[in-house]
Full PDB file with SEQRES, HELIX, SHEET, SSBOND, CRYST1, ORIGX, SCALE, CONECT and MASTER records, all heavy atoms in Angstrom:
SEQRES   1 A   32  TYR LEU ASN ILE ASP MET ALA LEU GLN SER PHE ALA GLU          
SEQRES   2 A   32  GLU LEU ILE ARG ASP GLU ARG ALA ALA ILE VAL ALA ILE          
SEQRES   3 A   32  ASP PRO GLN ASN GLY ALA                                      
HELIX    1 AA1 MET A    6  LEU A   15  1                                  10    
CRYST1    1.000    1.000    1.000  90.00  90.00  90.00 P 1           1          
ORIGX1      1.000000  0.000000  0.000000        0.00000                         
ORIGX2      0.000000  1.000000  0.000000        0.00000                         
ORIGX3      0.000000  0.000000  1.000000        0.00000                         
SCALE1      1.000000  0.000000  0.000000        0.00000                         
SCALE2      0.000000  1.000000  0.000000        0.00000                         
SCALE3      0.000000  0.000000  1.000000        0.00000                         
ATOM      1  N   TYR A   1       0.848  -1.197   0.000  1.00  0.00           N  
ATOM      2  CA  TYR A   1       0.000   0.000   0.000  1.00  0.00           C  
ATOM      3  C   TYR A   1       0.882   1.245   0.000  1.00  0.00           C  
ATOM      4  O   TYR A   1       1.844   1.343   0.767  1.00  0.00           O  
ATOM      5  CB  TYR A   1      -0.921   0.011   1.222  1.00  0.00           C  
ATOM      6  CG  TYR A   1      -2.118  -0.903   1.068  1.00  0.00           C  
ATOM      7  CD1 TYR A   1      -2.005  -2.260   1.337  1.00  0.00           C  
ATOM      8  CD2 TYR A   1      -3.341  -0.405   0.619  1.00  0.00           C  
ATOM      9  CE1 TYR A   1      -3.087  -3.113   1.173  1.00  0.00           C  
ATOM     10  CE2 TYR A   1      -4.430  -1.247   0.459  1.00  0.00           C  
ATOM     11  CZ  TYR A   1      -4.304  -2.595   0.735  1.00  0.00           C  
ATOM     12  OH  TYR A   1      -5.385  -3.434   0.562  1.00  0.00           O  
ATOM     13  N   LEU A   2       0.553   2.185  -0.877  1.00  0.00           N  
ATOM     14  CA  LEU A   2       1.332   3.409  -1.028  1.00  0.00           C  
ATOM     15  C   LEU A   2       0.654   4.595  -0.352  1.00  0.00           C  
ATOM     16  O   LEU A   2      -0.558   4.602  -0.155  1.00  0.00           O  
ATOM     17  CB  LEU A   2       1.535   3.722  -2.515  1.00  0.00           C  
ATOM     18  CG  LEU A   2       2.090   2.607  -3.400  1.00  0.00           C  
ATOM     19  CD1 LEU A   2       2.312   3.139  -4.812  1.00  0.00           C  
ATOM     20  CD2 LEU A   2       3.392   2.035  -2.830  1.00  0.00           C  
ATOM     21  N   ASN A   3       1.453   5.600  -0.027  1.00  0.00           N  
ATOM     22  CA  ASN A   3       0.912   6.870   0.467  1.00  0.00           C  
ATOM     23  C   ASN A   3       0.290   7.690  -0.657  1.00  0.00           C  
ATOM     24  O   ASN A   3      -0.430   8.663  -0.402  1.00  0.00           O  
ATOM     25  CB  ASN A   3       2.035   7.694   1.114  1.00  0.00           C  
ATOM     26  CG  ASN A   3       2.413   7.177   2.486  1.00  0.00           C  
ATOM     27  OD1 ASN A   3       1.549   6.961   3.330  1.00  0.00           O  
ATOM     28  ND2 ASN A   3       3.704   6.968   2.714  1.00  0.00           N  
ATOM     29  N   ILE A   4       0.585   7.318  -1.879  1.00  0.00           N  
ATOM     30  CA  ILE A   4       0.118   8.067  -3.045  1.00  0.00           C  
ATOM     31  C   ILE A   4      -1.412   8.100  -3.102  1.00  0.00           C  
ATOM     32  O   ILE A   4      -2.072   7.084  -2.903  1.00  0.00           O  
ATOM     33  CB  ILE A   4       0.660   7.442  -4.345  1.00  0.00           C  
ATOM     34  CG1 ILE A   4       2.200   7.457  -4.346  1.00  0.00           C  
ATOM     35  CG2 ILE A   4       0.107   8.154  -5.573  1.00  0.00           C  
ATOM     36  CD1 ILE A   4       2.808   8.836  -4.364  1.00  0.00           C  
ATOM     37  N   ASP A   5      -1.943   9.276  -3.367  1.00  0.00           N  
ATOM     38  CA  ASP A   5      -3.378   9.451  -3.623  1.00  0.00           C  
ATOM     39  C   ASP A   5      -3.538   9.497  -5.146  1.00  0.00           C  
ATOM     40  O   ASP A   5      -3.221  10.501  -5.782  1.00  0.00           O  
ATOM     41  CB  ASP A   5      -3.870  10.749  -2.983  1.00  0.00           C  
ATOM     42  CG  ASP A   5      -5.362  10.962  -3.128  1.00  0.00           C  
ATOM     43  OD1 ASP A   5      -5.934  10.514  -4.138  1.00  0.00           O  
ATOM     44  OD2 ASP A   5      -5.969  11.591  -2.238  1.00  0.00           O  
ATOM     45  N   MET A   6      -4.005   8.392  -5.740  1.00  0.00           N  
ATOM     46  CA  MET A   6      -4.038   8.319  -7.199  1.00  0.00           C  
ATOM     47  C   MET A   6      -5.014   9.303  -7.821  1.00  0.00           C  
ATOM     48  O   MET A   6      -4.827   9.726  -8.970  1.00  0.00           O  
ATOM     49  CB  MET A   6      -4.364   6.899  -7.654  1.00  0.00           C  
ATOM     50  CG  MET A   6      -3.171   5.955  -7.639  1.00  0.00           C  
ATOM     51  SD  MET A   6      -1.667   6.596  -8.439  1.00  0.00           S  
ATOM     52  CE  MET A   6      -2.238   6.802 -10.121  1.00  0.00           C  
ATOM     53  N   ALA A   7      -6.042   9.690  -7.094  1.00  0.00           N  
ATOM     54  CA  ALA A   7      -6.941  10.719  -7.626  1.00  0.00           C  
ATOM     55  C   ALA A   7      -6.172  12.030  -7.781  1.00  0.00           C  
ATOM     56  O   ALA A   7      -6.266  12.716  -8.810  1.00  0.00           O  
ATOM     57  CB  ALA A   7      -8.146  10.901  -6.704  1.00  0.00           C  
ATOM     58  N   LEU A   8      -5.375  12.377  -6.761  1.00  0.00           N  
ATOM     59  CA  LEU A   8      -4.545  13.577  -6.826  1.00  0.00           C  
ATOM     60  C   LEU A   8      -3.463  13.417  -7.877  1.00  0.00           C  
ATOM     61  O   LEU A   8      -3.187  14.351  -8.652  1.00  0.00           O  
ATOM     62  CB  LEU A   8      -3.924  13.838  -5.453  1.00  0.00           C  
ATOM     63  CG  LEU A   8      -2.983  15.028  -5.345  1.00  0.00           C  
ATOM     64  CD1 LEU A   8      -3.750  16.329  -5.511  1.00  0.00           C  
ATOM     65  CD2 LEU A   8      -2.240  15.023  -4.006  1.00  0.00           C  
ATOM     66  N   GLN A   9      -2.832  12.252  -7.917  1.00  0.00           N  
ATOM     67  CA  GLN A   9      -1.779  11.975  -8.894  1.00  0.00           C  
ATOM     68  C   GLN A   9      -2.296  12.148 -10.318  1.00  0.00           C  
ATOM     69  O   GLN A   9      -1.682  12.841 -11.139  1.00  0.00           O  
ATOM     70  CB  GLN A   9      -1.262  10.546  -8.697  1.00  0.00           C  
ATOM     71  CG  GLN A   9      -0.250  10.075  -9.715  1.00  0.00           C  
ATOM     72  CD  GLN A   9       1.160  10.527  -9.437  1.00  0.00           C  
ATOM     73  OE1 GLN A   9       1.473  10.934  -8.324  1.00  0.00           O  
ATOM     74  NE2 GLN A   9       2.017  10.451 -10.434  1.00  0.00           N  
ATOM     75  N   SER A  10      -3.434  11.545 -10.616  1.00  0.00           N  
ATOM     76  CA  SER A  10      -3.996  11.619 -11.973  1.00  0.00           C  
ATOM     77  C   SER A  10      -4.401  13.046 -12.321  1.00  0.00           C  
ATOM     78  O   SER A  10      -4.216  13.497 -13.462  1.00  0.00           O  
ATOM     79  CB  SER A  10      -5.201  10.683 -12.079  1.00  0.00           C  
ATOM     80  OG  SER A  10      -4.821   9.351 -11.847  1.00  0.00           O  
ATOM     81  N   PHE A  11      -4.946  13.762 -11.342  1.00  0.00           N  
ATOM     82  CA  PHE A  11      -5.333  15.157 -11.577  1.00  0.00           C  
ATOM     83  C   PHE A  11      -4.109  16.003 -11.899  1.00  0.00           C  
ATOM     84  O   PHE A  11      -4.117  16.805 -12.846  1.00  0.00           O  
ATOM     85  CB  PHE A  11      -6.050  15.698 -10.339  1.00  0.00           C  
ATOM     86  CG  PHE A  11      -6.448  17.145 -10.447  1.00  0.00           C  
ATOM     87  CD1 PHE A  11      -7.566  17.519 -11.182  1.00  0.00           C  
ATOM     88  CD2 PHE A  11      -5.700  18.140  -9.818  1.00  0.00           C  
ATOM     89  CE1 PHE A  11      -7.929  18.859 -11.291  1.00  0.00           C  
ATOM     90  CE2 PHE A  11      -6.054  19.469  -9.922  1.00  0.00           C  
ATOM     91  CZ  PHE A  11      -7.176  19.830 -10.657  1.00  0.00           C  
ATOM     92  N   ALA A  12      -3.037  15.816 -11.125  1.00  0.00           N  
ATOM     93  CA  ALA A  12      -1.817  16.577 -11.361  1.00  0.00           C  
ATOM     94  C   ALA A  12      -1.201  16.232 -12.719  1.00  0.00           C  
ATOM     95  O   ALA A  12      -0.691  17.104 -13.424  1.00  0.00           O  
ATOM     96  CB  ALA A  12      -0.817  16.309 -10.231  1.00  0.00           C  
ATOM     97  N   GLU A  13      -1.257  14.960 -13.081  1.00  0.00           N  
ATOM     98  CA  GLU A  13      -0.720  14.545 -14.379  1.00  0.00           C  
ATOM     99  C   GLU A  13      -1.475  15.228 -15.518  1.00  0.00           C  
ATOM    100  O   GLU A  13      -0.872  15.644 -16.516  1.00  0.00           O  
ATOM    101  CB  GLU A  13      -0.809  13.028 -14.519  1.00  0.00           C  
ATOM    102  CG  GLU A  13       0.172  12.270 -13.644  1.00  0.00           C  
ATOM    103  CD  GLU A  13      -0.049  10.771 -13.646  1.00  0.00           C  
ATOM    104  OE1 GLU A  13      -1.126  10.327 -14.096  1.00  0.00           O  
ATOM    105  OE2 GLU A  13       0.849  10.046 -13.203  1.00  0.00           O  
ATOM    106  N   GLU A  14      -2.760  15.331 -15.369  1.00  0.00           N  
ATOM    107  CA  GLU A  14      -3.572  15.951 -16.413  1.00  0.00           C  
ATOM    108  C   GLU A  14      -3.235  17.431 -16.567  1.00  0.00           C  
ATOM    109  O   GLU A  14      -3.265  17.975 -17.678  1.00  0.00           O  
ATOM    110  CB  GLU A  14      -5.058  15.772 -16.092  1.00  0.00           C  
ATOM    111  CG  GLU A  14      -5.998  16.099 -17.234  1.00  0.00           C  
ATOM    112  CD  GLU A  14      -5.772  15.233 -18.462  1.00  0.00           C  
ATOM    113  OE1 GLU A  14      -5.434  14.035 -18.304  1.00  0.00           O  
ATOM    114  OE2 GLU A  14      -5.915  15.758 -19.594  1.00  0.00           O  
ATOM    115  N   LEU A  15      -2.919  18.093 -15.455  1.00  0.00           N  
ATOM    116  CA  LEU A  15      -2.595  19.524 -15.504  1.00  0.00           C  
ATOM    117  C   LEU A  15      -1.351  19.806 -16.340  1.00  0.00           C  
ATOM    118  O   LEU A  15      -1.249  20.869 -16.965  1.00  0.00           O  
ATOM    119  CB  LEU A  15      -2.374  20.059 -14.086  1.00  0.00           C  
ATOM    120  CG  LEU A  15      -3.600  20.195 -13.181  1.00  0.00           C  
ATOM    121  CD1 LEU A  15      -3.165  20.623 -11.781  1.00  0.00           C  
ATOM    122  CD2 LEU A  15      -4.595  21.203 -13.753  1.00  0.00           C  
ATOM    123  N   ILE A  16      -0.388  18.878 -16.346  1.00  0.00           N  
ATOM    124  CA  ILE A  16       0.876  19.121 -17.056  1.00  0.00           C  
ATOM    125  C   ILE A  16       1.090  18.106 -18.176  1.00  0.00           C  
ATOM    126  O   ILE A  16       2.226  17.841 -18.575  1.00  0.00           O  
ATOM    127  CB  ILE A  16       2.070  19.094 -16.076  1.00  0.00           C  
ATOM    128  CG1 ILE A  16       2.127  17.768 -15.313  1.00  0.00           C  
ATOM    129  CG2 ILE A  16       1.999  20.263 -15.107  1.00  0.00           C  
ATOM    130  CD1 ILE A  16       3.375  17.619 -14.448  1.00  0.00           C  
ATOM    131  N   ARG A  17      -0.007  17.555 -18.679  1.00  0.00           N  
ATOM    132  CA  ARG A  17       0.089  16.497 -19.683  1.00  0.00           C  
ATOM    133  C   ARG A  17       0.882  16.918 -20.918  1.00  0.00           C  
ATOM    134  O   ARG A  17       1.586  16.108 -21.521  1.00  0.00           O  
ATOM    135  CB  ARG A  17      -1.315  16.045 -20.093  1.00  0.00           C  
ATOM    136  CG  ARG A  17      -1.315  14.919 -21.126  1.00  0.00           C  
ATOM    137  CD  ARG A  17      -2.612  14.175 -21.146  1.00  0.00           C  
ATOM    138  NE  ARG A  17      -2.911  13.577 -19.868  1.00  0.00           N  
ATOM    139  CZ  ARG A  17      -2.372  12.434 -19.444  1.00  0.00           C  
ATOM    140  NH1 ARG A  17      -1.497  11.787 -20.200  1.00  0.00           N  
ATOM    141  NH2 ARG A  17      -2.697  11.942 -18.273  1.00  0.00           N  
ATOM    142  N   ASP A  18       0.783  18.165 -21.316  1.00  0.00           N  
ATOM    143  CA  ASP A  18       1.445  18.625 -22.537  1.00  0.00           C  
ATOM    144  C   ASP A  18       2.793  19.291 -22.267  1.00  0.00           C  
ATOM    145  O   ASP A  18       3.353  19.939 -23.154  1.00  0.00           O  
ATOM    146  CB  ASP A  18       0.529  19.601 -23.273  1.00  0.00           C  
ATOM    147  CG  ASP A  18      -0.774  18.964 -23.710  1.00  0.00           C  
ATOM    148  OD1 ASP A  18      -0.752  17.766 -24.057  1.00  0.00           O  
ATOM    149  OD2 ASP A  18      -1.821  19.650 -23.689  1.00  0.00           O  
ATOM    150  N   GLU A  19       3.301  19.150 -21.051  1.00  0.00           N  
ATOM    151  CA  GLU A  19       4.550  19.800 -20.678  1.00  0.00           C  
ATOM    152  C   GLU A  19       5.628  18.776 -20.346  1.00  0.00           C  
ATOM    153  O   GLU A  19       5.355  17.593 -20.148  1.00  0.00           O  
ATOM    154  CB  GLU A  19       4.334  20.698 -19.444  1.00  0.00           C  
ATOM    155  CG  GLU A  19       3.252  21.750 -19.603  1.00  0.00           C  
ATOM    156  CD  GLU A  19       3.673  22.911 -20.483  1.00  0.00           C  
ATOM    157  OE1 GLU A  19       4.869  22.977 -20.871  1.00  0.00           O  
ATOM    158  OE2 GLU A  19       2.823  23.768 -20.778  1.00  0.00           O  
ATOM    159  N   ARG A  20       6.842  19.263 -20.290  1.00  0.00           N  
ATOM    160  CA  ARG A  20       7.933  18.525 -19.656  1.00  0.00           C  
ATOM    161  C   ARG A  20       8.031  19.109 -18.255  1.00  0.00           C  
ATOM    162  O   ARG A  20       8.551  20.218 -18.066  1.00  0.00           O  
ATOM    163  CB  ARG A  20       9.242  18.694 -20.424  1.00  0.00           C  
ATOM    164  CG  ARG A  20       9.184  18.152 -21.843  1.00  0.00           C  
ATOM    165  CD  ARG A  20      10.502  18.354 -22.579  1.00  0.00           C  
ATOM    166  NE  ARG A  20      10.894  19.766 -22.608  1.00  0.00           N  
ATOM    167  CZ  ARG A  20      10.401  20.655 -23.446  1.00  0.00           C  
ATOM    168  NH1 ARG A  20       9.489  20.302 -24.336  1.00  0.00           N  
ATOM    169  NH2 ARG A  20      10.800  21.909 -23.388  1.00  0.00           N  
ATOM    170  N   ALA A  21       7.534  18.380 -17.285  1.00  0.00           N  
ATOM    171  CA  ALA A  21       7.358  18.984 -15.966  1.00  0.00           C  
ATOM    172  C   ALA A  21       7.339  17.924 -14.878  1.00  0.00           C  
ATOM    173  O   ALA A  21       7.289  16.718 -15.153  1.00  0.00           O  
ATOM    174  CB  ALA A  21       6.052  19.786 -15.947  1.00  0.00           C  
ATOM    175  N   ALA A  22       7.370  18.396 -13.635  1.00  0.00           N  
ATOM    176  CA  ALA A  22       7.308  17.498 -12.481  1.00  0.00           C  
ATOM    177  C   ALA A  22       6.577  18.191 -11.341  1.00  0.00           C  
ATOM    178  O   ALA A  22       6.658  19.418 -11.188  1.00  0.00           O  
ATOM    179  CB  ALA A  22       8.700  17.082 -12.033  1.00  0.00           C  
ATOM    180  N   ILE A  23       5.861  17.401 -10.558  1.00  0.00           N  
ATOM    181  CA  ILE A  23       5.158  17.881  -9.372  1.00  0.00           C  
ATOM    182  C   ILE A  23       5.401  16.883  -8.250  1.00  0.00           C  
ATOM    183  O   ILE A  23       5.241  15.677  -8.437  1.00  0.00           O  
ATOM    184  CB  ILE A  23       3.635  18.006  -9.610  1.00  0.00           C  
ATOM    185  CG1 ILE A  23       3.340  18.989 -10.756  1.00  0.00           C  
ATOM    186  CG2 ILE A  23       2.915  18.434  -8.337  1.00  0.00           C  
ATOM    187  CD1 ILE A  23       1.866  19.028 -11.151  1.00  0.00           C  
ATOM    188  N   VAL A  24       5.791  17.392  -7.092  1.00  0.00           N  
ATOM    189  CA  VAL A  24       5.941  16.550  -5.900  1.00  0.00           C  
ATOM    190  C   VAL A  24       5.123  17.169  -4.783  1.00  0.00           C  
ATOM    191  O   VAL A  24       5.285  18.354  -4.477  1.00  0.00           O  
ATOM    192  CB  VAL A  24       7.413  16.421  -5.464  1.00  0.00           C  
ATOM    193  CG1 VAL A  24       7.508  15.553  -4.210  1.00  0.00           C  
ATOM    194  CG2 VAL A  24       8.259  15.828  -6.579  1.00  0.00           C  
ATOM    195  N   ALA A  25       4.233  16.375  -4.180  1.00  0.00           N  
ATOM    196  CA  ALA A  25       3.405  16.837  -3.065  1.00  0.00           C  
ATOM    197  C   ALA A  25       3.628  15.916  -1.876  1.00  0.00           C  
ATOM    198  O   ALA A  25       3.569  14.692  -2.013  1.00  0.00           O  
ATOM    199  CB  ALA A  25       1.935  16.856  -3.452  1.00  0.00           C  
ATOM    200  N   ILE A  26       3.881  16.500  -0.704  1.00  0.00           N  
ATOM    201  CA  ILE A  26       4.203  15.759   0.508  1.00  0.00           C  
ATOM    202  C   ILE A  26       3.322  16.246   1.657  1.00  0.00           C  
ATOM    203  O   ILE A  26       2.995  17.437   1.741  1.00  0.00           O  
ATOM    204  CB  ILE A  26       5.691  15.955   0.880  1.00  0.00           C  
ATOM    205  CG1 ILE A  26       6.602  15.379  -0.212  1.00  0.00           C  
ATOM    206  CG2 ILE A  26       6.030  15.320   2.221  1.00  0.00           C  
ATOM    207  CD1 ILE A  26       8.065  15.658   0.022  1.00  0.00           C  
ATOM    208  N   ASP A  27       2.954  15.332   2.549  1.00  0.00           N  
ATOM    209  CA  ASP A  27       2.284  15.714   3.785  1.00  0.00           C  
ATOM    210  C   ASP A  27       3.368  16.048   4.805  1.00  0.00           C  
ATOM    211  O   ASP A  27       4.093  15.154   5.256  1.00  0.00           O  
ATOM    212  CB  ASP A  27       1.414  14.560   4.293  1.00  0.00           C  
ATOM    213  CG  ASP A  27       0.576  14.952   5.506  1.00  0.00           C  
ATOM    214  OD1 ASP A  27       0.930  15.940   6.190  1.00  0.00           O  
ATOM    215  OD2 ASP A  27      -0.423  14.266   5.785  1.00  0.00           O  
ATOM    216  N   PRO A  28       3.508  17.328   5.197  1.00  0.00           N  
ATOM    217  CA  PRO A  28       4.585  17.709   6.128  1.00  0.00           C  
ATOM    218  C   PRO A  28       4.453  17.070   7.510  1.00  0.00           C  
ATOM    219  O   PRO A  28       5.432  16.989   8.247  1.00  0.00           O  
ATOM    220  CB  PRO A  28       4.439  19.239   6.236  1.00  0.00           C  
ATOM    221  CG  PRO A  28       3.666  19.640   5.018  1.00  0.00           C  
ATOM    222  CD  PRO A  28       2.737  18.500   4.747  1.00  0.00           C  
ATOM    223  N   GLN A  29       3.237  16.609   7.855  1.00  0.00           N  
ATOM    224  CA  GLN A  29       3.033  16.045   9.187  1.00  0.00           C  
ATOM    225  C   GLN A  29       3.693  14.676   9.362  1.00  0.00           C  
ATOM    226  O   GLN A  29       4.052  14.301  10.467  1.00  0.00           O  
ATOM    227  CB  GLN A  29       1.522  15.914   9.462  1.00  0.00           C  
ATOM    228  CG  GLN A  29       0.752  17.226   9.378  1.00  0.00           C  
ATOM    229  CD  GLN A  29       1.090  18.181  10.501  1.00  0.00           C  
ATOM    230  OE1 GLN A  29       1.441  17.745  11.596  1.00  0.00           O  
ATOM    231  NE2 GLN A  29       1.006  19.475  10.234  1.00  0.00           N  
ATOM    232  N   ASN A  30       3.837  13.933   8.261  1.00  0.00           N  
ATOM    233  CA  ASN A  30       4.387  12.572   8.391  1.00  0.00           C  
ATOM    234  C   ASN A  30       5.343  12.163   7.267  1.00  0.00           C  
ATOM    235  O   ASN A  30       5.842  11.030   7.265  1.00  0.00           O  
ATOM    236  CB  ASN A  30       3.243  11.555   8.475  1.00  0.00           C  
ATOM    237  CG  ASN A  30       2.264  11.686   7.320  1.00  0.00           C  
ATOM    238  OD1 ASN A  30       2.623  12.139   6.228  1.00  0.00           O  
ATOM    239  ND2 ASN A  30       1.019  11.295   7.548  1.00  0.00           N  
ATOM    240  N   GLY A  31       5.603  13.034   6.316  1.00  0.00           N  
ATOM    241  CA  GLY A  31       6.528  12.716   5.224  1.00  0.00           C  
ATOM    242  C   GLY A  31       5.929  11.873   4.118  1.00  0.00           C  
ATOM    243  O   GLY A  31       6.637  11.468   3.186  1.00  0.00           O  
ATOM    244  N   ALA A  32       4.620  11.604   4.177  1.00  0.00           N  
ATOM    245  CA  ALA A  32       3.977  10.785   3.149  1.00  0.00           C  
ATOM    246  C   ALA A  32       3.980  11.512   1.808  1.00  0.00           C  
ATOM    247  O   ALA A  32       3.585  12.673   1.715  1.00  0.00           O  
ATOM    248  CB  ALA A  32       2.539  10.469   3.557  1.00  0.00           C  
TER     249      ALA A  32                                                      
MASTER        0    0    0    1    0    0    0    6  248    1    0    3          
END                                                                             
């Protein structure tokens, strides 16, 4: 089981689908 939220992951991917880009999102409370 991953900490990844695939709904958030897929949404973020769609935002930059036509770019060369990267997004990293972390929960500061636990490092997830």
